[in-house]
Amino acid sequence: MSVSDEQRPAPPVEYLGANTHAFGPGRHLRSRAKVLPEHARGHNRALVLQTLYHAGAMSRADLSRETGLTRVTISDLVAEFIADGIVIEMGVREAVGPGKPPILIDIDRVGHQILGLDLSGPSAFTGAVLSLDGDVLERREVPRPDSPDGEAAYAALHELAKTLVAASTQPLLGVGIGTPGVVRPDGLVLSSPNLGWTNFPLEAKLGIDLDLPVLARNDANAAVLAEYTFGDAKADFMLIKIGKGVGAGLITGSQPLLGSRFAAGEIGHVVVGTDGGPRCACGKDGCLEAWLSVSRLRAALESDSDARDEILRDAGTRMAIAVAPIVAALDLSEVVLSGPADLLDGILIDAAIETLHARTLEGVFEDVVVRRTHQEDIVLRGAAVMVLSGQLGVS
């Protein structure tokens, strides 16, 4: 008597996924947890959807070969997905030999939408209705409160979210939020001084108010997921988001790194150097954010346009001073920057590369890449990845 796929322990997560893809890398985030037999069905569900998401339309037989699951299990799962409206039949594939031509199936990419919210902008909260492919379909924004006021910030967010719900044209799979601050995995904002939130249950509150699944994460942690899923990043990299503030998200061994305080990547308030520097909003002098934020750089360039090269070179150098120990400690392959091209491309990145290589072990870290992401709306697209992962097990 054979053991069914549901009873057999599933293979380790890191070996799962399709070899080809319709868009984005055919890989997903690894889990540290071992898959127990009683969890195998849920694991198989995620495996099938992950494979379809990245490989695109295929037959049930192809899906069985790609995943290693039996045809019986695939047939049962696909029937369940079709009944739930997650998967659709696309028609028959052109026959190349004798026998009945197979029916192609795929995730219903146009039958559901995702709502993404980005609270990290300097003057506005931005939101969008996105496709399951991470494409922006409808965009809206509301002014950001002038001062840190938690109630006003939530009221603006809620109004934006309601407007986007009304603008959606298909059932919403869920809502993803990228917010500045330290955010627990359950969506509780432990601290977001710029928004006036402390121990604020953002995910739970908005979920109740919208009656939809909501996932909230730090904005840089959302952005790093977008670069991993839709971009060209490797399995070990840091994404530094440079805007009103400076923060980072990390992927190590295809695993998001959050830290024991859920504050991994909070590099904006690391003091860079011993020579003082600009006063930071946190009250210290010389924080990386005080040197590198978009508002600081633009203000410095406006006040002394003749010193443009020196200002950008100094900013890139100080960023690399802060990042070099992290690159060495975690053995990262890439440092990806998200921010305005006119500030980051050229002098700033060149200075960062030179300093990073000078401050790490020669012959070991010389191939570390520093580049700017090519993705627009990276936090919104990261919010879509959060929802796909949380609702479908897809990343």
Protein backbone atom coordinates (compact mmCIF):
# COMPACT_ATOMS: atom_id res chain seq x y z
CA MET A 1 0.00 0.00 0.00
CA SER A 2 1.56 3.28 -1.12
CA VAL A 3 1.78 6.38 1.03
CA SER A 4 -0.14 9.37 -0.33
CA ASP A 5 1.52 12.73 -0.93
CA GLU A 6 -0.50 14.19 1.91
CA GLN A 7 0.93 11.62 4.33
CA ARG A 8 4.51 11.65 3.06
CA PRO A 9 6.70 14.41 4.52
CA ALA A 10 7.11 17.13 1.92
CA PRO A 11 10.56 17.89 0.53
CA PRO A 12 12.50 20.80 2.06
CA VAL A 13 11.13 24.11 0.88
CA GLU A 14 14.40 25.29 -0.62
CA TYR A 15 14.22 22.67 -3.36
CA LEU A 16 10.75 23.61 -4.51
CA GLY A 17 9.70 25.80 -7.40
CA ALA A 18 9.59 25.75 -11.17
CA ASN A 19 12.62 25.85 -13.42
CA THR A 20 11.03 28.34 -15.78
CA HIS A 21 8.78 31.28 -15.15
CA ALA A 22 6.31 33.61 -16.76
CA PHE A 23 7.70 36.61 -14.87
CA GLY A 24 10.07 37.03 -11.96
CA PRO A 25 12.51 34.43 -10.67
CA GLY A 26 11.24 30.87 -10.27
CA ARG A 27 12.13 30.73 -6.58
CA HIS A 28 10.61 31.59 -3.27
CA LEU A 29 11.47 32.48 0.27
CA ARG A 30 12.80 29.63 2.34
CA SER A 31 11.21 28.64 5.60
CA ARG A 32 13.28 27.62 8.61
CA ALA A 33 10.51 25.27 9.78
CA LYS A 34 10.52 21.59 8.85
CA VAL A 35 7.35 20.52 7.05
CA LEU A 36 5.53 18.01 9.25
CA PRO A 37 3.31 15.30 7.79
CA GLU A 38 0.16 16.94 9.18
CA HIS A 39 1.08 20.15 7.34
CA ALA A 40 1.91 18.46 4.05
CA ARG A 41 -1.36 19.31 2.33
CA GLY A 42 -0.98 23.02 3.01
CA HIS A 43 2.62 22.77 1.85
CA ASN A 44 1.54 21.01 -1.36
CA ARG A 45 -1.07 23.71 -2.00
CA ALA A 46 1.56 26.42 -1.76
CA LEU A 47 3.96 24.40 -3.95
CA VAL A 48 1.38 24.03 -6.74
CA LEU A 49 0.43 27.72 -6.69
CA GLN A 50 4.09 28.78 -6.49
CA THR A 51 4.88 26.67 -9.54
CA LEU A 52 1.95 27.99 -11.58
CA TYR A 53 2.68 31.58 -10.56
CA HIS A 54 6.25 31.50 -11.86
CA ALA A 55 6.00 28.96 -14.68
CA GLY A 56 2.70 30.09 -16.16
CA ALA A 57 0.03 27.95 -17.79
CA MET A 58 0.69 24.20 -17.96
CA SER A 59 -1.19 20.94 -17.98
CA ARG A 60 -1.94 18.90 -14.88
CA ALA A 61 0.61 16.32 -16.07
CA ASP A 62 3.26 19.04 -16.46
CA LEU A 63 2.43 20.31 -12.99
CA SER A 64 2.84 16.82 -11.57
CA ARG A 65 6.29 16.51 -13.17
CA GLU A 66 7.39 19.97 -12.01
CA THR A 67 6.30 19.51 -8.40
CA GLY A 68 6.96 15.80 -7.93
CA LEU A 69 3.41 15.29 -6.63
CA THR A 70 1.24 12.45 -7.93
CA ARG A 71 -1.33 13.11 -10.61
CA VAL A 72 -4.09 12.18 -8.17
CA THR A 73 -2.93 14.78 -5.69
CA ILE A 74 -2.58 17.40 -8.44
CA SER A 75 -6.06 16.61 -9.72
CA ASP A 76 -7.56 17.00 -6.23
CA LEU A 77 -5.73 20.25 -5.50
CA VAL A 78 -6.51 21.79 -8.89
CA ALA A 79 -10.21 20.93 -8.49
CA GLU A 80 -10.14 22.64 -5.10
CA PHE A 81 -8.42 25.73 -6.54
CA ILE A 82 -10.88 25.95 -9.42
CA ALA A 83 -13.81 25.74 -6.99
CA ASP A 84 -12.24 28.54 -4.93
CA GLY A 85 -11.75 30.71 -8.03
CA ILE A 86 -7.95 30.76 -7.69
CA VAL A 87 -7.12 28.65 -10.76
CA ILE A 88 -8.83 28.57 -14.16
CA GLU A 89 -8.69 26.30 -17.18
CA MET A 90 -7.18 28.11 -20.18
CA GLY A 91 -8.21 25.73 -22.96
CA VAL A 92 -6.42 22.87 -24.69
CA ARG A 93 -2.81 22.88 -25.85
CA GLU A 94 -2.16 22.14 -29.50
CA ALA A 95 -1.70 18.40 -29.87
CA VAL A 96 1.72 17.17 -31.05
CA GLY A 97 0.92 13.45 -31.14
CA PRO A 98 -1.85 10.92 -30.68
CA GLY A 99 -4.21 11.12 -27.76
CA LYS A 100 -6.42 13.74 -26.21
CA PRO A 101 -4.76 17.19 -26.05
CA PRO A 102 -4.19 18.36 -22.46
CA ILE A 103 -6.08 21.23 -20.85
CA LEU A 104 -3.86 24.07 -19.65
CA ILE A 105 -4.44 25.60 -16.22
CA ASP A 106 -3.08 28.73 -14.60
CA ILE A 107 -3.65 31.04 -11.66
CA ASP A 108 -6.54 33.38 -12.47
CA ARG A 109 -4.31 36.42 -12.89
CA VAL A 110 -7.16 38.78 -13.86
CA GLY A 111 -9.80 37.41 -11.51
CA HIS A 112 -8.34 38.93 -8.35
CA GLN A 113 -6.56 42.15 -7.42
CA ILE A 114 -4.39 43.36 -4.55
CA LEU A 115 -4.43 46.64 -2.69
CA GLY A 116 -1.00 48.09 -1.85
CA LEU A 117 -0.28 51.06 0.44
CA ASP A 118 3.02 52.95 0.81
CA LEU A 119 3.25 55.25 3.85
CA SER A 120 6.92 56.17 3.38
CA GLY A 121 6.55 59.13 1.00
CA PRO A 122 7.79 62.56 2.15
CA SER A 123 4.52 64.42 1.49
CA ALA A 124 1.82 61.85 0.65
CA PHE A 125 0.58 58.36 1.33
CA THR A 126 0.40 56.43 -1.95
CA GLY A 127 -1.80 53.48 -2.74
CA ALA A 128 -2.65 51.34 -5.74
CA VAL A 129 -4.82 48.54 -6.98
CA LEU A 130 -2.39 45.96 -8.38
CA SER A 131 -2.70 42.86 -10.49
CA LEU A 132 -1.39 39.53 -9.21
CA ASP A 133 1.62 40.19 -11.45
CA GLY A 134 2.45 43.29 -9.39
CA ASP A 135 1.36 45.77 -12.08
CA VAL A 136 -0.24 49.02 -10.92
CA LEU A 137 -3.80 49.28 -12.29
CA GLU A 138 -5.15 52.27 -10.36
CA ARG A 139 -3.20 54.78 -8.26
CA ARG A 140 -4.37 57.21 -5.59
CA GLU A 141 -2.70 59.35 -2.93
CA VAL A 142 -3.64 61.52 0.04
CA PRO A 143 -1.59 64.22 1.76
CA ARG A 144 0.60 63.07 4.61
CA PRO A 145 -0.21 64.80 7.94
CA ASP A 146 2.13 67.75 8.50
CA SER A 147 3.12 66.65 12.00
CA PRO A 148 3.42 63.23 13.68
CA ASP A 149 -0.19 62.62 14.69
CA GLY A 150 -1.17 58.98 15.00
CA GLU A 151 -4.92 59.54 14.71
CA ALA A 152 -4.57 61.82 11.69
CA ALA A 153 -2.17 59.39 10.02
CA TYR A 154 -4.58 56.49 10.43
CA ALA A 155 -7.54 58.59 9.24
CA ALA A 156 -5.64 59.50 6.06
CA LEU A 157 -4.63 55.88 5.51
CA HIS A 158 -8.17 54.63 6.06
CA GLU A 159 -9.60 57.16 3.61
CA LEU A 160 -7.02 56.18 0.97
CA ALA A 161 -7.73 52.49 1.47
CA LYS A 162 -11.50 52.96 1.15
CA THR A 163 -11.02 54.93 -2.08
CA LEU A 164 -8.90 52.15 -3.54
CA VAL A 165 -11.34 49.44 -2.49
CA ALA A 166 -14.01 51.34 -4.41
CA ALA A 167 -11.67 51.63 -7.42
CA SER A 168 -10.99 47.88 -7.59
CA THR A 169 -12.76 45.97 -10.34
CA GLN A 170 -12.19 42.40 -9.10
CA PRO A 171 -12.35 40.71 -5.69
CA LEU A 172 -9.41 41.79 -3.53
CA LEU A 173 -7.03 39.06 -2.40
CA GLY A 174 -5.88 41.29 0.44
CA VAL A 175 -4.20 44.54 1.47
CA GLY A 176 -0.46 45.04 1.95
CA ILE A 177 1.02 48.04 3.79
CA GLY A 178 4.61 49.27 3.83
CA THR A 179 5.10 51.71 6.70
CA PRO A 180 8.10 53.45 8.26
CA GLY A 181 9.03 52.17 11.69
CA VAL A 182 9.63 48.96 13.57
CA VAL A 183 6.84 46.49 12.81
CA ARG A 184 6.22 43.10 14.42
CA PRO A 185 5.34 40.11 12.21
CA ASP A 186 1.72 40.40 13.39
CA GLY A 187 1.49 43.93 11.99
CA LEU A 188 1.77 45.80 15.29
CA VAL A 189 3.77 49.00 14.76
CA LEU A 190 6.07 49.10 17.76
CA SER A 191 7.43 52.52 16.89
CA SER A 192 6.98 54.92 13.99
CA PRO A 193 7.90 58.41 15.26
CA ASN A 194 7.27 60.11 11.90
CA LEU A 195 3.67 58.88 11.94
CA GLY A 196 3.05 59.20 15.68
CA TRP A 197 2.46 55.49 16.24
CA THR A 198 3.62 53.48 19.25
CA ASN A 199 2.38 49.92 19.83
CA PHE A 200 -0.30 50.59 17.21
CA PRO A 201 -2.21 47.51 15.91
CA LEU A 202 -2.21 48.71 12.30
CA GLU A 203 -2.81 45.36 10.64
CA ALA A 204 -5.63 44.30 12.97
CA LYS A 205 -7.39 47.67 12.99
CA LEU A 206 -7.41 48.22 9.23
CA GLY A 207 -8.41 44.60 8.68
CA ILE A 208 -11.50 45.11 10.83
CA ASP A 209 -12.33 48.48 9.27
CA LEU A 210 -12.04 47.18 5.70
CA ASP A 211 -13.24 43.62 6.37
CA LEU A 212 -10.31 42.35 4.31
CA PRO A 213 -7.08 40.43 5.02
CA VAL A 214 -4.37 42.99 5.82
CA LEU A 215 -0.60 42.54 6.16
CA ALA A 216 1.63 45.35 7.44
CA ARG A 217 5.43 45.43 7.32
CA ASN A 218 8.24 47.97 7.45
CA ASP A 219 8.49 49.76 4.09
CA ALA A 220 12.09 48.65 3.43
CA ASN A 221 11.16 45.07 4.29
CA ALA A 222 8.32 45.30 1.77
CA ALA A 223 10.67 46.75 -0.86
CA VAL A 224 13.24 43.98 -0.44
CA LEU A 225 10.52 41.39 -1.16
CA ALA A 226 9.67 43.16 -4.43
CA GLU A 227 13.31 43.16 -5.50
CA TYR A 228 13.60 39.47 -4.64
CA THR A 229 10.42 38.37 -6.42
CA PHE A 230 10.16 40.77 -9.36
CA GLY A 231 13.72 42.09 -9.66
CA ASP A 232 17.17 40.73 -10.41
CA ALA A 233 18.47 40.32 -6.86
CA LYS A 234 20.39 37.30 -5.63
CA ALA A 235 19.64 35.17 -2.57
CA ASP A 236 21.80 37.27 -0.20
CA PHE A 237 21.45 41.03 -0.48
CA MET A 238 20.51 44.26 1.24
CA LEU A 239 18.13 46.84 -0.17
CA ILE A 240 18.59 50.38 1.15
CA LYS A 241 15.56 52.60 0.70
CA ILE A 242 16.52 56.27 0.52
CA GLY A 243 13.67 58.76 0.78
CA LYS A 244 12.36 60.88 3.62
CA GLY A 245 14.35 58.52 5.85
CA VAL A 246 16.89 55.77 5.28
CA GLY A 247 16.16 52.13 6.05
CA ALA A 248 17.14 48.71 4.80
CA GLY A 249 15.66 45.29 4.23
CA LEU A 250 17.75 42.11 4.12
CA ILE A 251 17.44 38.72 2.49
CA THR A 252 19.98 36.12 3.61
CA GLY A 253 19.87 32.58 2.24
CA SER A 254 16.53 33.43 0.60
CA GLN A 255 15.18 34.16 4.10
CA PRO A 256 13.99 37.62 5.22
CA LEU A 257 16.05 38.82 8.18
CA LEU A 258 13.97 40.62 10.83
CA GLY A 259 16.06 40.34 13.98
CA SER A 260 15.16 39.67 17.61
CA ARG A 261 13.66 43.17 17.98
CA PHE A 262 12.16 43.15 14.46
CA ALA A 263 14.51 46.05 13.71
CA ALA A 264 17.07 44.48 11.35
CA GLY A 265 17.94 47.05 8.71
CA GLU A 266 17.31 50.10 10.90
CA ILE A 267 20.57 51.67 9.74
CA GLY A 268 19.28 55.23 9.35
CA HIS A 269 20.24 56.19 12.89
CA VAL A 270 23.68 54.63 12.93
CA VAL A 271 26.20 57.43 13.46
CA VAL A 272 28.67 57.43 10.57
CA GLY A 273 32.15 58.61 11.52
CA THR A 274 33.50 60.50 14.50
CA ASP A 275 33.46 63.98 12.99
CA GLY A 276 29.97 64.98 14.07
CA GLY A 277 27.78 65.97 11.17
CA PRO A 278 24.26 67.25 10.53
CA ARG A 279 21.76 67.10 13.39
CA CYS A 280 19.35 64.23 12.85
CA ALA A 281 15.62 64.26 13.65
CA CYS A 282 16.38 61.70 16.40
CA GLY A 283 18.55 64.27 18.19
CA LYS A 284 21.97 62.78 17.42
CA ASP A 285 24.61 64.29 15.15
CA GLY A 286 25.90 62.49 12.06
CA CYS A 287 23.32 59.72 11.62
CA LEU A 288 23.38 58.07 8.19
CA GLU A 289 19.88 59.44 7.57
CA ALA A 290 21.11 62.98 8.26
CA TRP A 291 23.77 62.54 5.56
CA LEU A 292 21.86 60.47 3.02
CA SER A 293 18.12 61.28 3.09
CA VAL A 294 16.67 62.81 -0.07
CA SER A 295 15.61 66.00 1.70
CA ARG A 296 19.11 66.50 3.17
CA LEU A 297 20.86 65.87 -0.15
CA ARG A 298 18.55 68.16 -2.11
CA ALA A 299 18.86 70.93 0.47
CA ALA A 300 22.67 70.65 0.43
CA LEU A 301 22.78 70.73 -3.36
CA GLU A 302 20.48 73.74 -3.55
CA SER A 303 22.59 75.70 -1.07
CA ASP A 304 25.89 74.93 -2.84
CA SER A 305 25.41 73.65 -6.37
CA ASP A 306 29.13 74.06 -7.13
CA ALA A 307 29.91 71.37 -4.55
CA ARG A 308 27.57 68.78 -6.09
CA ASP A 309 30.26 66.16 -6.75
CA GLU A 310 31.74 66.53 -3.26
CA ILE A 311 28.32 66.28 -1.54
CA LEU A 312 27.30 63.15 -3.43
CA ARG A 313 30.71 61.54 -3.04
CA ASP A 314 30.65 62.15 0.70
CA ALA A 315 27.14 60.68 0.99
CA GLY A 316 28.13 57.54 -0.93
CA THR A 317 31.28 57.14 1.14
CA ARG A 318 29.44 57.42 4.45
CA MET A 319 26.78 54.97 3.31
CA ALA A 320 29.48 52.43 2.45
CA ILE A 321 31.16 52.97 5.84
CA ALA A 322 27.88 51.99 7.50
CA VAL A 323 27.22 49.07 5.16
CA ALA A 324 30.67 47.47 4.90
CA PRO A 325 30.51 45.63 8.27
CA ILE A 326 27.06 44.29 7.40
CA VAL A 327 28.23 43.03 4.00
CA ALA A 328 31.19 41.29 5.63
CA ALA A 329 29.25 39.86 8.58
CA LEU A 330 26.48 38.40 6.40
CA ASP A 331 28.56 37.71 3.28
CA LEU A 332 26.14 39.61 1.05
CA SER A 333 26.36 39.56 -2.74
CA GLU A 334 24.64 42.85 -3.51
CA VAL A 335 23.64 46.19 -2.07
CA VAL A 336 20.62 47.51 -3.96
CA LEU A 337 19.55 51.15 -3.61
CA SER A 338 16.03 52.47 -4.03
CA GLY A 339 15.69 56.21 -4.49
CA PRO A 340 15.93 59.08 -7.00
CA ALA A 341 18.18 58.30 -9.97
CA ASP A 342 19.52 61.86 -10.22
CA LEU A 343 20.99 61.56 -6.72
CA LEU A 344 22.08 57.94 -6.61
CA ASP A 345 23.37 57.08 -10.08
CA GLY A 346 26.93 57.99 -10.93
CA ILE A 347 29.05 59.73 -8.31
CA LEU A 348 27.27 58.45 -5.19
CA ILE A 349 27.24 54.79 -6.23
CA ASP A 350 30.80 54.99 -7.58
CA ALA A 351 32.02 56.37 -4.25
CA ALA A 352 30.09 53.68 -2.37
CA ILE A 353 31.66 50.89 -4.44
CA GLU A 354 35.16 52.27 -3.98
CA THR A 355 34.75 52.66 -0.21
CA LEU A 356 33.03 49.30 0.26
CA HIS A 357 35.83 47.46 -1.51
CA ALA A 358 38.46 49.43 0.41
CA ARG A 359 36.86 48.55 3.76
CA THR A 360 36.29 44.82 3.24
CA LEU A 361 38.69 41.91 2.83
CA GLU A 362 40.60 42.09 -0.43
CA GLY A 363 39.99 39.16 -2.73
CA VAL A 364 36.78 38.12 -0.95
CA PHE A 365 34.29 40.95 -1.34
CA GLU A 366 35.60 42.59 -4.53
CA ASP A 367 32.67 41.22 -6.53
CA VAL A 368 30.01 42.74 -4.27
CA VAL A 369 27.69 44.81 -6.48
CA VAL A 370 26.21 48.19 -5.54
CA ARG A 371 23.42 49.22 -7.89
CA ARG A 372 20.10 51.03 -8.04
CA THR A 373 16.92 49.03 -8.51
CA HIS A 374 15.14 49.36 -11.83
CA GLN A 375 11.73 48.93 -10.22
CA GLU A 376 9.29 51.77 -9.79
CA ASP A 377 6.68 51.61 -7.01
CA ILE A 378 8.87 49.13 -5.18
CA VAL A 379 7.01 49.38 -1.84
CA LEU A 380 3.63 48.94 -3.53
CA ARG A 381 4.93 45.93 -5.45
CA GLY A 382 6.43 44.58 -2.24
CA ALA A 383 3.02 44.93 -0.60
CA ALA A 384 1.63 42.75 -3.40
CA VAL A 385 4.27 40.09 -2.67
CA MET A 386 3.29 40.18 1.01
CA VAL A 387 -0.33 39.45 0.14
CA LEU A 388 0.56 36.75 -2.41
CA SER A 389 2.77 35.06 0.17
CA GLY A 390 0.30 35.41 3.01
CA GLN A 391 -2.79 34.33 1.07
CA LEU A 392 -1.43 31.87 -1.50
CA GLY A 393 2.03 30.91 -0.26
CA VAL A 394 3.52 32.52 -3.38
CA SER A 395 6.64 34.71 -3.41
